[in-house]
All heavy atoms as atom14 arrays in JSON, in Angstrom:
{
  "sequence": "GAVRLGAMLPSGRPEAFNSLRIIDSDGGFAGDADKVHLVPFG",
  "atom14_mask": [
    [1, 1, 1, 1, 0, 0, 0, 0, 0, 0, 0, 0, 0, 0],
    [1, 1, 1, 1, 1, 0, 0, 0, 0, 0, 0, 0, 0, 0],
    [1, 1, 1, 1, 1, 1, 1, 0, 0, 0, 0, 0, 0, 0],
    [1, 1, 1, 1, 1, 1, 1, 1, 1, 1, 1, 0, 0, 0],
    [1, 1, 1, 1, 1, 1, 1, 1, 0, 0, 0, 0, 0, 0],
    [1, 1, 1, 1, 0, 0, 0, 0, 0, 0, 0, 0, 0, 0],
    [1, 1, 1, 1, 1, 0, 0, 0, 0, 0, 0, 0, 0, 0],
    [1, 1, 1, 1, 1, 1, 1, 1, 0, 0, 0, 0, 0, 0],
    [1, 1, 1, 1, 1, 1, 1, 1, 0, 0, 0, 0, 0, 0],
    [1, 1, 1, 1, 1, 1, 1, 0, 0, 0, 0, 0, 0, 0],
    [1, 1, 1, 1, 1, 1, 0, 0, 0, 0, 0, 0, 0, 0],
    [1, 1, 1, 1, 0, 0, 0, 0, 0, 0, 0, 0, 0, 0],
    [1, 1, 1, 1, 1, 1, 1, 1, 1, 1, 1, 0, 0, 0],
    [1, 1, 1, 1, 1, 1, 1, 0, 0, 0, 0, 0, 0, 0],
    [1, 1, 1, 1, 1, 1, 1, 1, 1, 0, 0, 0, 0, 0],
    [1, 1, 1, 1, 1, 0, 0, 0, 0, 0, 0, 0, 0, 0],
    [1, 1, 1, 1, 1, 1, 1, 1, 1, 1, 1, 0, 0, 0],
    [1, 1, 1, 1, 1, 1, 1, 1, 0, 0, 0, 0, 0, 0],
    [1, 1, 1, 1, 1, 1, 0, 0, 0, 0, 0, 0, 0, 0],
    [1, 1, 1, 1, 1, 1, 1, 1, 0, 0, 0, 0, 0, 0],
    [1, 1, 1, 1, 1, 1, 1, 1, 1, 1, 1, 0, 0, 0],
    [1, 1, 1, 1, 1, 1, 1, 1, 0, 0, 0, 0, 0, 0],
    [1, 1, 1, 1, 1, 1, 1, 1, 0, 0, 0, 0, 0, 0],
    [1, 1, 1, 1, 1, 1, 1, 1, 0, 0, 0, 0, 0, 0],
    [1, 1, 1, 1, 1, 1, 0, 0, 0, 0, 0, 0, 0, 0],
    [1, 1, 1, 1, 1, 1, 1, 1, 0, 0, 0, 0, 0, 0],
    [1, 1, 1, 1, 0, 0, 0, 0, 0, 0, 0, 0, 0, 0],
    [1, 1, 1, 1, 0, 0, 0, 0, 0, 0, 0, 0, 0, 0],
    [1, 1, 1, 1, 1, 1, 1, 1, 1, 1, 1, 0, 0, 0],
    [1, 1, 1, 1, 1, 0, 0, 0, 0, 0, 0, 0, 0, 0],
    [1, 1, 1, 1, 0, 0, 0, 0, 0, 0, 0, 0, 0, 0],
    [1, 1, 1, 1, 1, 1, 1, 1, 0, 0, 0, 0, 0, 0],
    [1, 1, 1, 1, 1, 0, 0, 0, 0, 0, 0, 0, 0, 0],
    [1, 1, 1, 1, 1, 1, 1, 1, 0, 0, 0, 0, 0, 0],
    [1, 1, 1, 1, 1, 1, 1, 1, 1, 0, 0, 0, 0, 0],
    [1, 1, 1, 1, 1, 1, 1, 0, 0, 0, 0, 0, 0, 0],
    [1, 1, 1, 1, 1, 1, 1, 1, 1, 1, 0, 0, 0, 0],
    [1, 1, 1, 1, 1, 1, 1, 1, 0, 0, 0, 0, 0, 0],
    [1, 1, 1, 1, 1, 1, 1, 0, 0, 0, 0, 0, 0, 0],
    [1, 1, 1, 1, 1, 1, 1, 0, 0, 0, 0, 0, 0, 0],
    [1, 1, 1, 1, 1, 1, 1, 1, 1, 1, 1, 0, 0, 0],
    [1, 1, 1, 1, 0, 0, 0, 0, 0, 0, 0, 0, 0, 0]
  ],
  "atom14_positions": [
    [[20.72, -31.6, 35.65], [20.32, -31.71, 37.04], [20.22, -30.33, 37.65], [21.01, -29.43, 37.34], [0.0, 0.0, 0.0], [0.0, 0.0, 0.0], [0.0, 0.0, 0.0], [0.0, 0.0, 0.0], [0.0, 0.0, 0.0], [0.0, 0.0, 0.0], [0.0, 0.0, 0.0], [0.0, 0.0, 0.0], [0.0, 0.0, 0.0], [0.0, 0.0, 0.0]],
    [[19.21, -30.13, 38.5], [19.02, -28.83, 39.14], [18.03, -29.02, 40.29], [17.17, -29.92, 40.25], [18.49, -27.79, 38.16], [0.0, 0.0, 0.0], [0.0, 0.0, 0.0], [0.0, 0.0, 0.0], [0.0, 0.0, 0.0], [0.0, 0.0, 0.0], [0.0, 0.0, 0.0], [0.0, 0.0, 0.0], [0.0, 0.0, 0.0], [0.0, 0.0, 0.0]],
    [[18.12, -28.16, 41.28], [17.13, -28.16, 42.35], [15.86, -27.49, 41.83], [15.91, -26.42, 41.22], [17.66, -27.4, 43.58], [16.58, -27.35, 44.67], [18.91, -28.09, 44.12], [0.0, 0.0, 0.0], [0.0, 0.0, 0.0], [0.0, 0.0, 0.0], [0.0, 0.0, 0.0], [0.0, 0.0, 0.0], [0.0, 0.0, 0.0], [0.0, 0.0, 0.0]],
    [[14.72, -28.14, 42.04], [13.42, -27.58, 41.64], [12.64, -27.17, 42.87], [12.54, -27.95, 43.82], [12.63, -28.61, 40.83], [11.29, -28.09, 40.31], [10.55, -29.15, 39.53], [10.01, -30.2, 40.4], [8.85, -30.11, 41.06], [8.11, -29.01, 41.0], [8.43, -31.13, 41.79], [0.0, 0.0, 0.0], [0.0, 0.0, 0.0], [0.0, 0.0, 0.0]],
    [[12.1, -25.99, 42.85], [11.28, -25.51, 43.97], [9.84, -25.95, 43.78], [9.29, -25.88, 42.68], [11.36, -23.99, 44.07], [12.75, -23.41, 44.38], [12.7, -21.89, 44.4], [13.28, -23.95, 45.7], [0.0, 0.0, 0.0], [0.0, 0.0, 0.0], [0.0, 0.0, 0.0], [0.0, 0.0, 0.0], [0.0, 0.0, 0.0], [0.0, 0.0, 0.0]],
    [[9.22, -26.4, 44.88], [7.84, -26.86, 44.84], [6.93, -25.96, 45.66], [7.17, -24.75, 45.81], [0.0, 0.0, 0.0], [0.0, 0.0, 0.0], [0.0, 0.0, 0.0], [0.0, 0.0, 0.0], [0.0, 0.0, 0.0], [0.0, 0.0, 0.0], [0.0, 0.0, 0.0], [0.0, 0.0, 0.0], [0.0, 0.0, 0.0], [0.0, 0.0, 0.0]],
    [[5.88, -26.57, 46.21], [4.88, -25.81, 46.95], [5.46, -25.29, 48.27], [6.42, -25.84, 48.82], [3.67, -26.7, 47.23], [0.0, 0.0, 0.0], [0.0, 0.0, 0.0], [0.0, 0.0, 0.0], [0.0, 0.0, 0.0], [0.0, 0.0, 0.0], [0.0, 0.0, 0.0], [0.0, 0.0, 0.0], [0.0, 0.0, 0.0], [0.0, 0.0, 0.0]],
    [[4.84, -24.24, 48.77], [5.28, -23.65, 50.03], [4.82, -24.54, 51.2], [3.68, -24.99, 51.24], [4.7, -22.24, 50.19], [5.39, -21.41, 51.26], [7.13, -21.07, 50.88], [6.99, -20.0, 49.44], [0.0, 0.0, 0.0], [0.0, 0.0, 0.0], [0.0, 0.0, 0.0], [0.0, 0.0, 0.0], [0.0, 0.0, 0.0], [0.0, 0.0, 0.0]],
    [[5.73, -24.79, 52.13], [5.44, -25.6, 53.29], [4.96, -24.74, 54.45], [5.17, -23.52, 54.44], [6.7, -26.38, 53.71], [7.23, -27.38, 52.68], [8.59, -27.91, 53.11], [6.25, -28.53, 52.49], [0.0, 0.0, 0.0], [0.0, 0.0, 0.0], [0.0, 0.0, 0.0], [0.0, 0.0, 0.0], [0.0, 0.0, 0.0], [0.0, 0.0, 0.0]],
    [[4.32, -25.34, 55.47], [3.88, -24.55, 56.64], [5.02, -23.8, 57.32], [4.81, -22.77, 57.94], [3.28, -25.62, 57.57], [2.86, -26.72, 56.66], [3.85, -26.72, 55.54], [0.0, 0.0, 0.0], [0.0, 0.0, 0.0], [0.0, 0.0, 0.0], [0.0, 0.0, 0.0], [0.0, 0.0, 0.0], [0.0, 0.0, 0.0], [0.0, 0.0, 0.0]],
    [[6.25, -24.32, 57.18], [7.4, -23.66, 57.8], [7.76, -22.34, 57.12], [8.6, -21.59, 57.61], [8.61, -24.59, 57.77], [8.97, -24.9, 56.43], [0.0, 0.0, 0.0], [0.0, 0.0, 0.0], [0.0, 0.0, 0.0], [0.0, 0.0, 0.0], [0.0, 0.0, 0.0], [0.0, 0.0, 0.0], [0.0, 0.0, 0.0], [0.0, 0.0, 0.0]],
    [[7.15, -22.1, 55.96], [7.44, -20.87, 55.24], [8.49, -21.01, 54.17], [8.8, -20.04, 53.47], [0.0, 0.0, 0.0], [0.0, 0.0, 0.0], [0.0, 0.0, 0.0], [0.0, 0.0, 0.0], [0.0, 0.0, 0.0], [0.0, 0.0, 0.0], [0.0, 0.0, 0.0], [0.0, 0.0, 0.0], [0.0, 0.0, 0.0], [0.0, 0.0, 0.0]],
    [[9.06, -22.21, 54.01], [10.03, -22.43, 52.95], [9.4, -23.33, 51.89], [8.5, -24.13, 52.17], [11.29, -23.09, 53.51], [11.07, -24.49, 54.02], [12.38, -25.23, 54.3], [12.12, -26.6, 54.71], [11.95, -27.61, 53.86], [12.01, -27.4, 52.56], [11.71, -28.84, 54.3], [0.0, 0.0, 0.0], [0.0, 0.0, 0.0], [0.0, 0.0, 0.0]],
    [[9.86, -23.22, 50.64], [9.31, -24.08, 49.6], [9.91, -25.49, 49.65], [11.02, -25.68, 50.15], [9.71, -23.37, 48.32], [10.97, -22.64, 48.67], [10.83, -22.25, 50.12], [0.0, 0.0, 0.0], [0.0, 0.0, 0.0], [0.0, 0.0, 0.0], [0.0, 0.0, 0.0], [0.0, 0.0, 0.0], [0.0, 0.0, 0.0], [0.0, 0.0, 0.0]],
    [[9.18, -26.45, 49.15], [9.75, -27.78, 48.95], [10.91, -27.67, 47.97], [10.89, -26.85, 47.05], [8.71, -28.74, 48.38], [7.6, -29.11, 49.33], [6.63, -30.08, 48.66], [6.09, -29.72, 47.61], [6.43, -31.18, 49.2], [0.0, 0.0, 0.0], [0.0, 0.0, 0.0], [0.0, 0.0, 0.0], [0.0, 0.0, 0.0], [0.0, 0.0, 0.0]],
    [[11.93, -28.52, 48.16], [13.06, -28.56, 47.25], [13.24, -29.99, 46.76], [13.31, -30.92, 47.57], [14.33, -28.07, 47.94], [0.0, 0.0, 0.0], [0.0, 0.0, 0.0], [0.0, 0.0, 0.0], [0.0, 0.0, 0.0], [0.0, 0.0, 0.0], [0.0, 0.0, 0.0], [0.0, 0.0, 0.0], [0.0, 0.0, 0.0], [0.0, 0.0, 0.0]],
    [[13.28, -30.16, 45.45], [13.43, -31.47, 44.84], [14.77, -31.52, 44.09], [15.15, -30.56, 43.41], [12.3, -31.75, 43.85], [10.94, -31.8, 44.46], [10.18, -30.63, 44.59], [10.41, -32.99, 44.92], [8.91, -30.67, 45.16], [9.14, -33.04, 45.48], [8.39, -31.88, 45.61], [0.0, 0.0, 0.0], [0.0, 0.0, 0.0], [0.0, 0.0, 0.0]],
    [[15.48, -32.64, 44.22], [16.65, -32.89, 43.39], [16.11, -33.44, 42.08], [15.59, -34.56, 42.03], [17.57, -33.89, 44.08], [18.9, -34.05, 43.36], [19.11, -33.49, 42.29], [19.79, -34.85, 43.92], [0.0, 0.0, 0.0], [0.0, 0.0, 0.0], [0.0, 0.0, 0.0], [0.0, 0.0, 0.0], [0.0, 0.0, 0.0], [0.0, 0.0, 0.0]],
    [[16.26, -32.69, 41.0], [15.5, -32.99, 39.79], [16.37, -33.01, 38.54], [17.49, -32.51, 38.51], [14.4, -31.93, 39.59], [13.52, -31.89, 40.68], [0.0, 0.0, 0.0], [0.0, 0.0, 0.0], [0.0, 0.0, 0.0], [0.0, 0.0, 0.0], [0.0, 0.0, 0.0], [0.0, 0.0, 0.0], [0.0, 0.0, 0.0], [0.0, 0.0, 0.0]],
    [[15.8, -33.61, 37.51], [16.25, -33.45, 36.14], [15.31, -32.45, 35.47], [14.09, -32.57, 35.61], [16.19, -34.79, 35.4], [17.44, -35.65, 35.37], [17.11, -37.04, 34.87], [18.5, -35.01, 34.47], [0.0, 0.0, 0.0], [0.0, 0.0, 0.0], [0.0, 0.0, 0.0], [0.0, 0.0, 0.0], [0.0, 0.0, 0.0], [0.0, 0.0, 0.0]],
    [[15.88, -31.5, 34.74], [15.06, -30.45, 34.12], [15.46, -30.31, 32.65], [16.63, -30.46, 32.29], [15.22, -29.12, 34.86], [15.14, -29.27, 36.38], [14.74, -27.99, 37.06], [13.33, -27.69, 36.82], [12.69, -26.65, 37.36], [13.35, -25.81, 38.15], [11.43, -26.44, 37.11], [0.0, 0.0, 0.0], [0.0, 0.0, 0.0], [0.0, 0.0, 0.0]],
    [[14.46, -30.02, 31.84], [14.68, -29.77, 30.41], [14.48, -28.28, 30.17], [13.46, -27.7, 30.56], [13.7, -30.57, 29.54], [13.84, -32.07, 29.82], [13.96, -30.29, 28.06], [12.78, -32.92, 29.13], [0.0, 0.0, 0.0], [0.0, 0.0, 0.0], [0.0, 0.0, 0.0], [0.0, 0.0, 0.0], [0.0, 0.0, 0.0], [0.0, 0.0, 0.0]],
    [[15.46, -27.65, 29.52], [15.36, -26.24, 29.16], [15.5, -26.15, 27.64], [16.44, -26.7, 27.06], [16.45, -25.4, 29.85], [16.33, -25.56, 31.38], [16.36, -23.94, 29.45], [17.43, -24.88, 32.15], [0.0, 0.0, 0.0], [0.0, 0.0, 0.0], [0.0, 0.0, 0.0], [0.0, 0.0, 0.0], [0.0, 0.0, 0.0], [0.0, 0.0, 0.0]],
    [[14.53, -25.49, 27.02], [14.56, -25.41, 25.55], [15.35, -24.19, 25.08], [15.89, -23.42, 25.9], [13.13, -25.4, 24.98], [12.29, -24.24, 25.48], [12.87, -23.17, 25.81], [11.06, -24.36, 25.54], [0.0, 0.0, 0.0], [0.0, 0.0, 0.0], [0.0, 0.0, 0.0], [0.0, 0.0, 0.0], [0.0, 0.0, 0.0], [0.0, 0.0, 0.0]],
    [[15.43, -24.04, 23.77], [16.28, -22.99, 23.21], [15.68, -21.6, 23.38], [16.32, -20.61, 23.02], [16.53, -23.26, 21.72], [15.31, -23.42, 21.0], [0.0, 0.0, 0.0], [0.0, 0.0, 0.0], [0.0, 0.0, 0.0], [0.0, 0.0, 0.0], [0.0, 0.0, 0.0], [0.0, 0.0, 0.0], [0.0, 0.0, 0.0], [0.0, 0.0, 0.0]],
    [[14.48, -21.51, 23.95], [13.9, -20.22, 24.31], [14.12, -19.89, 25.79], [13.66, -18.86, 26.27], [12.39, -20.2, 24.01], [12.1, -20.31, 22.51], [12.9, -19.74, 21.73], [11.12, -20.97, 22.14], [0.0, 0.0, 0.0], [0.0, 0.0, 0.0], [0.0, 0.0, 0.0], [0.0, 0.0, 0.0], [0.0, 0.0, 0.0], [0.0, 0.0, 0.0]],
    [[14.77, -20.81, 26.52], [15.02, -20.59, 27.94], [13.88, -21.01, 28.84], [13.91, -20.74, 30.04], [0.0, 0.0, 0.0], [0.0, 0.0, 0.0], [0.0, 0.0, 0.0], [0.0, 0.0, 0.0], [0.0, 0.0, 0.0], [0.0, 0.0, 0.0], [0.0, 0.0, 0.0], [0.0, 0.0, 0.0], [0.0, 0.0, 0.0], [0.0, 0.0, 0.0]],
    [[12.89, -21.69, 28.29], [11.75, -22.15, 29.09], [11.93, -23.57, 29.58], [12.73, -24.35, 29.04], [0.0, 0.0, 0.0], [0.0, 0.0, 0.0], [0.0, 0.0, 0.0], [0.0, 0.0, 0.0], [0.0, 0.0, 0.0], [0.0, 0.0, 0.0], [0.0, 0.0, 0.0], [0.0, 0.0, 0.0], [0.0, 0.0, 0.0], [0.0, 0.0, 0.0]],
    [[11.17, -23.94, 30.63], [11.2, -25.3, 31.15], [10.27, -26.18, 30.33], [9.11, -25.85, 30.12], [10.78, -25.32, 32.62], [11.72, -24.58, 33.54], [11.36, -23.36, 34.08], [12.97, -25.09, 33.84], [12.22, -22.67, 34.92], [13.84, -24.41, 34.67], [13.47, -23.19, 35.21], [0.0, 0.0, 0.0], [0.0, 0.0, 0.0], [0.0, 0.0, 0.0]],
    [[10.81, -27.31, 29.87], [10.04, -28.2, 29.01], [9.79, -29.56, 29.63], [9.25, -30.45, 28.97], [10.76, -28.38, 27.67], [0.0, 0.0, 0.0], [0.0, 0.0, 0.0], [0.0, 0.0, 0.0], [0.0, 0.0, 0.0], [0.0, 0.0, 0.0], [0.0, 0.0, 0.0], [0.0, 0.0, 0.0], [0.0, 0.0, 0.0], [0.0, 0.0, 0.0]],
    [[10.15, -29.76, 30.91], [9.9, -31.03, 31.57], [10.75, -31.18, 32.82], [11.81, -30.56, 32.93], [0.0, 0.0, 0.0], [0.0, 0.0, 0.0], [0.0, 0.0, 0.0], [0.0, 0.0, 0.0], [0.0, 0.0, 0.0], [0.0, 0.0, 0.0], [0.0, 0.0, 0.0], [0.0, 0.0, 0.0], [0.0, 0.0, 0.0], [0.0, 0.0, 0.0]],
    [[10.24, -31.97, 33.76], [10.94, -32.21, 35.02], [10.77, -33.67, 35.43], [9.77, -34.31, 35.11], [10.38, -31.34, 36.16], [10.47, -29.86, 35.86], [11.59, -29.36, 35.72], [9.4, -29.21, 35.75], [0.0, 0.0, 0.0], [0.0, 0.0, 0.0], [0.0, 0.0, 0.0], [0.0, 0.0, 0.0], [0.0, 0.0, 0.0], [0.0, 0.0, 0.0]],
    [[11.75, -34.18, 36.18], [11.64, -35.48, 36.82], [12.36, -35.38, 38.16], [13.53, -34.99, 38.21], [12.26, -36.58, 35.96], [0.0, 0.0, 0.0], [0.0, 0.0, 0.0], [0.0, 0.0, 0.0], [0.0, 0.0, 0.0], [0.0, 0.0, 0.0], [0.0, 0.0, 0.0], [0.0, 0.0, 0.0], [0.0, 0.0, 0.0], [0.0, 0.0, 0.0]],
    [[11.66, -35.71, 39.24], [12.22, -35.56, 40.58], [12.83, -36.87, 41.07], [12.33, -37.95, 40.77], [11.12, -35.12, 41.56], [10.49, -33.8, 41.18], [11.21, -32.94, 40.66], [9.26, -33.64, 41.4], [0.0, 0.0, 0.0], [0.0, 0.0, 0.0], [0.0, 0.0, 0.0], [0.0, 0.0, 0.0], [0.0, 0.0, 0.0], [0.0, 0.0, 0.0]],
    [[13.87, -36.73, 41.87], [14.51, -37.88, 42.47], [13.58, -38.51, 43.5], [13.04, -37.82, 44.36], [15.83, -37.49, 43.13], [16.67, -38.66, 43.62], [18.01, -38.2, 44.16], [18.9, -39.37, 44.56], [20.19, -38.92, 45.1], [0.0, 0.0, 0.0], [0.0, 0.0, 0.0], [0.0, 0.0, 0.0], [0.0, 0.0, 0.0], [0.0, 0.0, 0.0]],
    [[13.41, -39.82, 43.41], [12.49, -40.55, 44.29], [13.22, -41.16, 45.47], [12.73, -41.14, 46.6], [11.75, -41.64, 43.48], [10.87, -42.48, 44.39], [10.93, -41.0, 42.36], [0.0, 0.0, 0.0], [0.0, 0.0, 0.0], [0.0, 0.0, 0.0], [0.0, 0.0, 0.0], [0.0, 0.0, 0.0], [0.0, 0.0, 0.0], [0.0, 0.0, 0.0]],
    [[14.41, -41.71, 45.22], [15.16, -42.44, 46.25], [16.3, -41.55, 46.75], [17.39, -41.53, 46.17], [15.71, -43.74, 45.65], [16.0, -44.79, 46.66], [15.73, -46.12, 46.46], [16.53, -44.72, 47.9], [16.1, -46.83, 47.52], [16.59, -45.99, 48.4], [0.0, 0.0, 0.0], [0.0, 0.0, 0.0], [0.0, 0.0, 0.0], [0.0, 0.0, 0.0]],
    [[16.03, -40.83, 47.83], [17.01, -39.88, 48.35], [18.07, -40.57, 49.19], [17.85, -41.66, 49.74], [16.31, -38.82, 49.2], [15.26, -37.95, 48.49], [14.62, -36.97, 49.48], [15.87, -37.18, 47.32], [0.0, 0.0, 0.0], [0.0, 0.0, 0.0], [0.0, 0.0, 0.0], [0.0, 0.0, 0.0], [0.0, 0.0, 0.0], [0.0, 0.0, 0.0]],
    [[19.23, -39.92, 49.32], [20.36, -40.46, 50.08], [20.22, -40.06, 51.54], [20.26, -38.86, 51.86], [21.7, -39.95, 49.54], [22.87, -40.52, 50.35], [21.85, -40.28, 48.06], [0.0, 0.0, 0.0], [0.0, 0.0, 0.0], [0.0, 0.0, 0.0], [0.0, 0.0, 0.0], [0.0, 0.0, 0.0], [0.0, 0.0, 0.0], [0.0, 0.0, 0.0]],
    [[20.05, -41.02, 52.47], [19.99, -40.66, 53.88], [21.28, -39.98, 54.34], [22.37, -40.39, 53.96], [19.79, -42.01, 54.6], [19.36, -42.97, 53.53], [19.94, -42.47, 52.25], [0.0, 0.0, 0.0], [0.0, 0.0, 0.0], [0.0, 0.0, 0.0], [0.0, 0.0, 0.0], [0.0, 0.0, 0.0], [0.0, 0.0, 0.0], [0.0, 0.0, 0.0]],
    [[21.12, -38.93, 55.13], [22.23, -38.15, 55.68], [22.96, -37.32, 54.61], [23.78, -36.48, 54.95], [23.23, -39.03, 56.43], [22.61, -39.8, 57.55], [22.29, -41.14, 57.4], [22.31, -39.19, 58.76], [21.7, -41.86, 58.42], [21.72, -39.9, 59.79], [21.41, -41.24, 59.63], [0.0, 0.0, 0.0], [0.0, 0.0, 0.0], [0.0, 0.0, 0.0]],
    [[22.68, -37.57, 53.34], [23.24, -36.74, 52.29], [22.25, -35.7, 51.8], [22.59, -34.53, 51.63], [0.0, 0.0, 0.0], [0.0, 0.0, 0.0], [0.0, 0.0, 0.0], [0.0, 0.0, 0.0], [0.0, 0.0, 0.0], [0.0, 0.0, 0.0], [0.0, 0.0, 0.0], [0.0, 0.0, 0.0], [0.0, 0.0, 0.0], [0.0, 0.0, 0.0]]
  ]
}
C-alpha cells in the first residue's frame, strides 16, 4: 500500500490516490490499483 500521485489539479496540488503498488526487483513500478470506496471523514 502507498499513496500514488496523479495529475495536477487546478489548485496546484497533484491528485492523491490510496493505492496498491507493485515494485519489482529493479525498483521500478510494475502496476497500480487505486482505492475506489473511500472512507468518509477518514
